[in-house]
Amino acid sequence: MRLTCLVLTGWLFSHTGWAAEQRVDSDTWSRQYDHHFKKYTKRYFGPFYDWHWFKAQGIAESHLKATAESHRGAVGLMQILPSTYAEIKEKNPYFKDIQSPRWNIAAGIFYDRELYRRWQDLPEQERLYLAFASYNAGYGRIRRDYKRAPGPVSSWQHIEPYIPLETQNYVSRIRELKDAEERLPPRWQKQRFTAN
């Protein structure tokens, strides 16, 4: 029972915005690349789409470090594999060096848009979560997991238990960075500060 309480407490702290990490719009995070996030969100998602989603993704990927490199070979702020960047560059020949923060962010948001378009059968916000999941684990993997979920899938919560834990945590982290309140299940949104 004690272990269950500790695990549940850890989950609440990591999934309710009570974790030490600050929201994407806090002064904790550099604003150095905000103009790129704004510009390419507007270009690929439209003028009214909230660019903070993609900055949150950049934080989740690299903590906004332009020189970040993963053990799998992904590079830059948005942690793009060179092979993926080559595919993106075929459609956007004016994109320059993958190491450039500008083009790395542009490519990441362009790729998000490509993935977003593949999830036509869901509401807008749910499509974004599945695009982030696809960015992390690969579209093919997430599509297979999507098909494993019973019944018609209408929300992220419906498919979340069927995807890899690493990817669940990735999407949760982006949601927490963007707005911790959005991540809370409805029962926690109203009761989280209520003493029992």
C-alpha atoms as a PDB file:
ATOM      1  CA  MET A   1       0.000   0.000   0.000  1.00  0.00           C
ATOM      2  CA  ARG A   2       2.807   2.412   0.907  1.00  0.00           C
ATOM      3  CA  LEU A   3       4.548   1.725  -2.421  1.00  0.00           C
ATOM      4  CA  THR A   4       1.277   2.379  -4.265  1.00  0.00           C
ATOM      5  CA  CYS A   5       0.907   5.717  -2.459  1.00  0.00           C
ATOM      6  CA  LEU A   6       4.479   6.699  -3.333  1.00  0.00           C
ATOM      7  CA  VAL A   7       4.003   5.748  -6.985  1.00  0.00           C
ATOM      8  CA  LEU A   8       0.669   7.612  -7.154  1.00  0.00           C
ATOM      9  CA  THR A   9       2.212  10.660  -5.472  1.00  0.00           C
ATOM     10  CA  GLY A  10       5.098  10.593  -7.981  1.00  0.00           C
ATOM     11  CA  TRP A  11       2.622  10.348 -10.850  1.00  0.00           C
ATOM     12  CA  LEU A  12       0.612  13.284  -9.542  1.00  0.00           C
ATOM     13  CA  PHE A  13       3.692  15.454  -9.204  1.00  0.00           C
ATOM     14  CA  SER A  14       4.949  14.556 -12.659  1.00  0.00           C
ATOM     15  CA  HIS A  15       1.561  14.747 -14.402  1.00  0.00           C
ATOM     16  CA  THR A  16      -0.208  17.679 -12.784  1.00  0.00           C
ATOM     17  CA  GLY A  17       2.171  20.540 -13.376  1.00  0.00           C
ATOM     18  CA  TRP A  18       3.449  20.402  -9.788  1.00  0.00           C
ATOM     19  CA  ALA A  19       6.851  19.262 -11.006  1.00  0.00           C
ATOM     20  CA  ALA A  20       9.775  21.664 -10.660  1.00  0.00           C
ATOM     21  CA  GLU A  21       9.930  22.443 -14.377  1.00  0.00           C
ATOM     22  CA  GLN A  22       8.317  25.728 -15.374  1.00  0.00           C
ATOM     23  CA  ARG A  23       5.745  26.369 -18.054  1.00  0.00           C
ATOM     24  CA  VAL A  24       6.895  27.282 -21.535  1.00  0.00           C
ATOM     25  CA  ASP A  25       5.972  30.956 -21.085  1.00  0.00           C
ATOM     26  CA  SER A  26       7.920  31.401 -17.844  1.00  0.00           C
ATOM     27  CA  ASP A  27      11.188  33.303 -17.589  1.00  0.00           C
ATOM     28  CA  THR A  28      12.967  29.982 -17.017  1.00  0.00           C
ATOM     29  CA  TRP A  29      13.156  29.388 -20.762  1.00  0.00           C
ATOM     30  CA  SER A  30      15.123  31.477 -23.230  1.00  0.00           C
ATOM     31  CA  ARG A  31      13.157  33.679 -25.597  1.00  0.00           C
ATOM     32  CA  GLN A  32      16.065  33.653 -28.077  1.00  0.00           C
ATOM     33  CA  TYR A  33      14.267  31.483 -30.625  1.00  0.00           C
ATOM     34  CA  ASP A  34      10.686  32.654 -30.063  1.00  0.00           C
ATOM     35  CA  HIS A  35      10.600  34.570 -33.349  1.00  0.00           C
ATOM     36  CA  HIS A  36      11.395  31.327 -35.238  1.00  0.00           C
ATOM     37  CA  PHE A  37       8.714  29.395 -33.345  1.00  0.00           C
ATOM     38  CA  LYS A  38       6.199  32.176 -34.091  1.00  0.00           C
ATOM     39  CA  LYS A  39       7.133  32.506 -37.754  1.00  0.00           C
ATOM     40  CA  TYR A  40       7.060  28.817 -38.644  1.00  0.00           C
ATOM     41  CA  THR A  41       3.967  28.051 -36.591  1.00  0.00           C
ATOM     42  CA  LYS A  42       2.197  30.784 -38.537  1.00  0.00           C
ATOM     43  CA  ARG A  43       3.542  29.450 -41.835  1.00  0.00           C
ATOM     44  CA  TYR A  44       2.636  25.788 -41.298  1.00  0.00           C
ATOM     45  CA  PHE A  45      -0.339  25.932 -38.901  1.00  0.00           C
ATOM     46  CA  GLY A  46      -1.854  29.347 -39.588  1.00  0.00           C
ATOM     47  CA  PRO A  47      -1.777  32.778 -37.954  1.00  0.00           C
ATOM     48  CA  PHE A  48      -3.952  31.912 -34.966  1.00  0.00           C
ATOM     49  CA  TYR A  49      -2.278  28.677 -33.867  1.00  0.00           C
ATOM     50  CA  ASP A  50      -0.510  28.889 -30.508  1.00  0.00           C
ATOM     51  CA  TRP A  51       3.227  28.713 -31.223  1.00  0.00           C
ATOM     52  CA  HIS A  52       3.945  27.857 -27.572  1.00  0.00           C
ATOM     53  CA  TRP A  53       3.092  24.215 -28.345  1.00  0.00           C
ATOM     54  CA  PHE A  54       6.162  23.953 -30.549  1.00  0.00           C
ATOM     55  CA  LYS A  55       8.419  25.809 -28.150  1.00  0.00           C
ATOM     56  CA  ALA A  56       7.268  23.321 -25.490  1.00  0.00           C
ATOM     57  CA  GLN A  57       8.207  20.552 -27.897  1.00  0.00           C
ATOM     58  CA  GLY A  58      11.643  22.138 -28.372  1.00  0.00           C
ATOM     59  CA  ILE A  59      12.088  22.219 -24.603  1.00  0.00           C
ATOM     60  CA  ALA A  60      11.044  18.570 -24.359  1.00  0.00           C
ATOM     61  CA  GLU A  61      13.433  17.644 -27.151  1.00  0.00           C
ATOM     62  CA  SER A  62      16.552  19.611 -26.237  1.00  0.00           C
ATOM     63  CA  HIS A  63      15.892  22.192 -23.502  1.00  0.00           C
ATOM     64  CA  LEU A  64      16.256  24.660 -26.398  1.00  0.00           C
ATOM     65  CA  LYS A  65      19.919  23.789 -26.927  1.00  0.00           C
ATOM     66  CA  ALA A  66      20.869  24.346 -30.543  1.00  0.00           C
ATOM     67  CA  THR A  67      23.907  22.055 -30.243  1.00  0.00           C
ATOM     68  CA  ALA A  68      22.004  19.125 -28.722  1.00  0.00           C
ATOM     69  CA  GLU A  69      22.731  15.710 -30.186  1.00  0.00           C
ATOM     70  CA  SER A  70      21.102  12.439 -29.167  1.00  0.00           C
ATOM     71  CA  HIS A  71      22.652   8.989 -28.942  1.00  0.00           C
ATOM     72  CA  ARG A  72      20.492   8.070 -31.963  1.00  0.00           C
ATOM     73  CA  GLY A  73      21.956  10.872 -34.069  1.00  0.00           C
ATOM     74  CA  ALA A  74      19.111  13.407 -33.836  1.00  0.00           C
ATOM     75  CA  VAL A  75      20.424  16.978 -33.828  1.00  0.00           C
ATOM     76  CA  GLY A  76      19.461  20.503 -32.909  1.00  0.00           C
ATOM     77  CA  LEU A  77      16.687  22.171 -30.978  1.00  0.00           C
ATOM     78  CA  MET A  78      14.000  19.918 -32.430  1.00  0.00           C
ATOM     79  CA  GLN A  79      16.162  16.770 -32.414  1.00  0.00           C
ATOM     80  CA  ILE A  80      15.720  15.846 -36.070  1.00  0.00           C
ATOM     81  CA  LEU A  81      17.427  12.850 -37.603  1.00  0.00           C
ATOM     82  CA  PRO A  82      19.540  13.797 -40.633  1.00  0.00           C
ATOM     83  CA  SER A  83      17.584  11.276 -42.755  1.00  0.00           C
ATOM     84  CA  THR A  84      14.289  12.926 -41.769  1.00  0.00           C
ATOM     85  CA  TYR A  85      15.780  16.350 -42.444  1.00  0.00           C
ATOM     86  CA  ALA A  86      16.818  15.199 -45.935  1.00  0.00           C
ATOM     87  CA  GLU A  87      13.196  14.186 -46.662  1.00  0.00           C
ATOM     88  CA  ILE A  88      11.914  17.505 -45.338  1.00  0.00           C
ATOM     89  CA  LYS A  89      14.505  19.404 -47.393  1.00  0.00           C
ATOM     90  CA  GLU A  90      13.308  17.705 -50.585  1.00  0.00           C
ATOM     91  CA  LYS A  91       9.956  19.464 -50.064  1.00  0.00           C
ATOM     92  CA  ASN A  92      11.630  22.668 -48.844  1.00  0.00           C
ATOM     93  CA  PRO A  93      14.840  23.078 -50.864  1.00  0.00           C
ATOM     94  CA  TYR A  94      15.470  26.539 -49.418  1.00  0.00           C
ATOM     95  CA  PHE A  95      16.045  25.028 -45.944  1.00  0.00           C
ATOM     96  CA  LYS A  96      19.729  25.325 -45.108  1.00  0.00           C
ATOM     97  CA  ASP A  97      21.886  23.631 -42.487  1.00  0.00           C
ATOM     98  CA  ILE A  98      20.178  21.255 -40.041  1.00  0.00           C
ATOM     99  CA  GLN A  99      22.409  22.691 -37.277  1.00  0.00           C
ATOM    100  CA  SER A 100      20.981  26.183 -37.760  1.00  0.00           C
ATOM    101  CA  PRO A 101      18.354  26.880 -35.065  1.00  0.00           C
ATOM    102  CA  ARG A 102      16.160  28.633 -37.629  1.00  0.00           C
ATOM    103  CA  TRP A 103      16.058  25.741 -40.078  1.00  0.00           C
ATOM    104  CA  ASN A 104      15.937  23.090 -37.379  1.00  0.00           C
ATOM    105  CA  ILE A 105      12.846  24.741 -35.870  1.00  0.00           C
ATOM    106  CA  ALA A 106      11.305  25.271 -39.313  1.00  0.00           C
ATOM    107  CA  ALA A 107      11.863  21.617 -40.193  1.00  0.00           C
ATOM    108  CA  GLY A 108      10.485  20.401 -36.855  1.00  0.00           C
ATOM    109  CA  ILE A 109       7.279  22.417 -37.192  1.00  0.00           C
ATOM    110  CA  PHE A 110       6.922  21.475 -40.875  1.00  0.00           C
ATOM    111  CA  TYR A 111       7.256  17.810 -39.899  1.00  0.00           C
ATOM    112  CA  ASP A 112       4.693  18.276 -37.121  1.00  0.00           C
ATOM    113  CA  ARG A 113       2.291  19.653 -39.740  1.00  0.00           C
ATOM    114  CA  GLU A 114       2.887  16.677 -42.021  1.00  0.00           C
ATOM    115  CA  LEU A 115       2.138  14.290 -39.133  1.00  0.00           C
ATOM    116  CA  TYR A 116      -0.844  16.376 -37.994  1.00  0.00           C
ATOM    117  CA  ARG A 117      -2.434  16.064 -41.439  1.00  0.00           C
ATOM    118  CA  ARG A 118      -2.311  12.267 -41.220  1.00  0.00           C
ATOM    119  CA  TRP A 119      -4.699  12.211 -38.232  1.00  0.00           C
ATOM    120  CA  GLN A 120      -7.788  13.500 -40.043  1.00  0.00           C
ATOM    121  CA  ASP A 121     -10.383  11.547 -38.071  1.00  0.00           C
ATOM    122  CA  LEU A 122      -9.909  13.328 -34.717  1.00  0.00           C
ATOM    123  CA  PRO A 123     -10.577  16.785 -33.221  1.00  0.00           C
ATOM    124  CA  GLU A 124      -7.855  19.399 -33.667  1.00  0.00           C
ATOM    125  CA  GLN A 125      -6.237  19.129 -30.224  1.00  0.00           C
ATOM    126  CA  GLU A 126      -6.209  15.325 -30.279  1.00  0.00           C
ATOM    127  CA  ARG A 127      -4.565  15.417 -33.707  1.00  0.00           C
ATOM    128  CA  LEU A 128      -1.782  17.578 -32.289  1.00  0.00           C
ATOM    129  CA  TYR A 129      -1.115  15.097 -29.472  1.00  0.00           C
ATOM    130  CA  LEU A 130      -0.948  12.254 -31.985  1.00  0.00           C
ATOM    131  CA  ALA A 131       1.376  14.319 -34.182  1.00  0.00           C
ATOM    132  CA  PHE A 132       3.704  14.787 -31.200  1.00  0.00           C
ATOM    133  CA  ALA A 133       3.496  11.058 -30.428  1.00  0.00           C
ATOM    134  CA  SER A 134       4.302  10.273 -34.076  1.00  0.00           C
ATOM    135  CA  TYR A 135       7.228  12.703 -34.003  1.00  0.00           C
ATOM    136  CA  ASN A 136       8.618  10.836 -31.008  1.00  0.00           C
ATOM    137  CA  ALA A 137       7.925   7.187 -31.849  1.00  0.00           C
ATOM    138  CA  GLY A 138       7.283   7.247 -35.593  1.00  0.00           C
ATOM    139  CA  TYR A 139       3.996   7.513 -37.432  1.00  0.00           C
ATOM    140  CA  GLY A 140       3.872   3.798 -38.301  1.00  0.00           C
ATOM    141  CA  ARG A 141       4.266   2.773 -34.678  1.00  0.00           C
ATOM    142  CA  ILE A 142       1.578   5.145 -33.424  1.00  0.00           C
ATOM    143  CA  ARG A 143      -0.821   4.162 -36.231  1.00  0.00           C
ATOM    144  CA  ARG A 144      -0.432   0.487 -35.223  1.00  0.00           C
ATOM    145  CA  ASP A 145      -1.060   1.368 -31.580  1.00  0.00           C
ATOM    146  CA  TYR A 146      -4.052   3.487 -32.613  1.00  0.00           C
ATOM    147  CA  LYS A 147      -5.571   0.477 -34.350  1.00  0.00           C
ATOM    148  CA  ARG A 148      -5.063  -1.658 -31.218  1.00  0.00           C
ATOM    149  CA  ALA A 149      -7.272   0.612 -29.095  1.00  0.00           C
ATOM    150  CA  PRO A 150     -10.787  -0.839 -28.706  1.00  0.00           C
ATOM    151  CA  GLY A 151     -13.742   0.934 -30.249  1.00  0.00           C
ATOM    152  CA  PRO A 152     -13.625   4.257 -32.050  1.00  0.00           C
ATOM    153  CA  VAL A 153     -10.776   6.446 -30.833  1.00  0.00           C
ATOM    154  CA  SER A 154     -12.011   9.953 -30.122  1.00  0.00           C
ATOM    155  CA  SER A 155      -9.365  11.331 -27.787  1.00  0.00           C
ATOM    156  CA  TRP A 156      -5.730  11.144 -26.762  1.00  0.00           C
ATOM    157  CA  GLN A 157      -6.712   9.487 -23.476  1.00  0.00           C
ATOM    158  CA  HIS A 158      -8.315   6.645 -25.435  1.00  0.00           C
ATOM    159  CA  ILE A 159      -5.101   5.695 -27.247  1.00  0.00           C
ATOM    160  CA  GLU A 160      -2.532   6.776 -24.640  1.00  0.00           C
ATOM    161  CA  PRO A 161      -2.436   3.418 -22.767  1.00  0.00           C
ATOM    162  CA  TYR A 162      -1.568   1.598 -26.010  1.00  0.00           C
ATOM    163  CA  ILE A 163       1.495   3.593 -26.984  1.00  0.00           C
ATOM    164  CA  PRO A 164       5.055   3.270 -25.603  1.00  0.00           C
ATOM    165  CA  LEU A 165       5.573   4.706 -22.122  1.00  0.00           C
ATOM    166  CA  GLU A 166       8.417   6.914 -23.358  1.00  0.00           C
ATOM    167  CA  THR A 167       6.038   8.483 -25.869  1.00  0.00           C
ATOM    168  CA  GLN A 168       3.274   8.877 -23.286  1.00  0.00           C
ATOM    169  CA  ASN A 169       5.757  10.762 -21.108  1.00  0.00           C
ATOM    170  CA  TYR A 170       6.943  12.862 -24.058  1.00  0.00           C
ATOM    171  CA  VAL A 171       3.438  14.065 -24.928  1.00  0.00           C
ATOM    172  CA  SER A 172       2.618  14.589 -21.239  1.00  0.00           C
ATOM    173  CA  ARG A 173       5.724  16.707 -20.811  1.00  0.00           C
ATOM    174  CA  ILE A 174       4.815  18.938 -23.762  1.00  0.00           C
ATOM    175  CA  ARG A 175       1.316  19.353 -22.357  1.00  0.00           C
ATOM    176  CA  GLU A 176       2.686  20.205 -18.908  1.00  0.00           C
ATOM    177  CA  LEU A 177       5.135  22.722 -20.327  1.00  0.00           C
ATOM    178  CA  LYS A 178       2.427  24.330 -22.419  1.00  0.00           C
ATOM    179  CA  ASP A 179      -0.189  24.486 -19.714  1.00  0.00           C
ATOM    180  CA  ALA A 180      -0.238  22.238 -16.692  1.00  0.00           C
ATOM    181  CA  GLU A 181      -3.978  22.719 -16.166  1.00  0.00           C
ATOM    182  CA  GLU A 182      -4.742  21.132 -19.551  1.00  0.00           C
ATOM    183  CA  ARG A 183      -2.986  17.929 -18.483  1.00  0.00           C
ATOM    184  CA  LEU A 184      -5.140  17.345 -15.435  1.00  0.00           C
ATOM    185  CA  PRO A 185      -8.057  14.934 -15.655  1.00  0.00           C
ATOM    186  CA  PRO A 186     -11.307  16.865 -14.980  1.00  0.00           C
ATOM    187  CA  ARG A 187     -11.629  15.526 -11.413  1.00  0.00           C
ATOM    188  CA  TRP A 188      -8.178  16.951 -10.506  1.00  0.00           C
ATOM    189  CA  GLN A 189      -8.714  20.331 -12.138  1.00  0.00           C
ATOM    190  CA  LYS A 190     -11.264  21.327  -9.513  1.00  0.00           C
ATOM    191  CA  GLN A 191     -10.046  19.320  -6.545  1.00  0.00           C
ATOM    192  CA  ARG A 192      -6.263  19.484  -6.613  1.00  0.00           C
ATOM    193  CA  PHE A 193      -6.063  22.162  -3.875  1.00  0.00           C
ATOM    194  CA  THR A 194      -8.907  20.771  -1.795  1.00  0.00           C
ATOM    195  CA  ALA A 195      -7.771  19.275   1.492  1.00  0.00           C
ATOM    196  CA  ASN A 196      -9.320  15.925   2.370  1.00  0.00           C
END
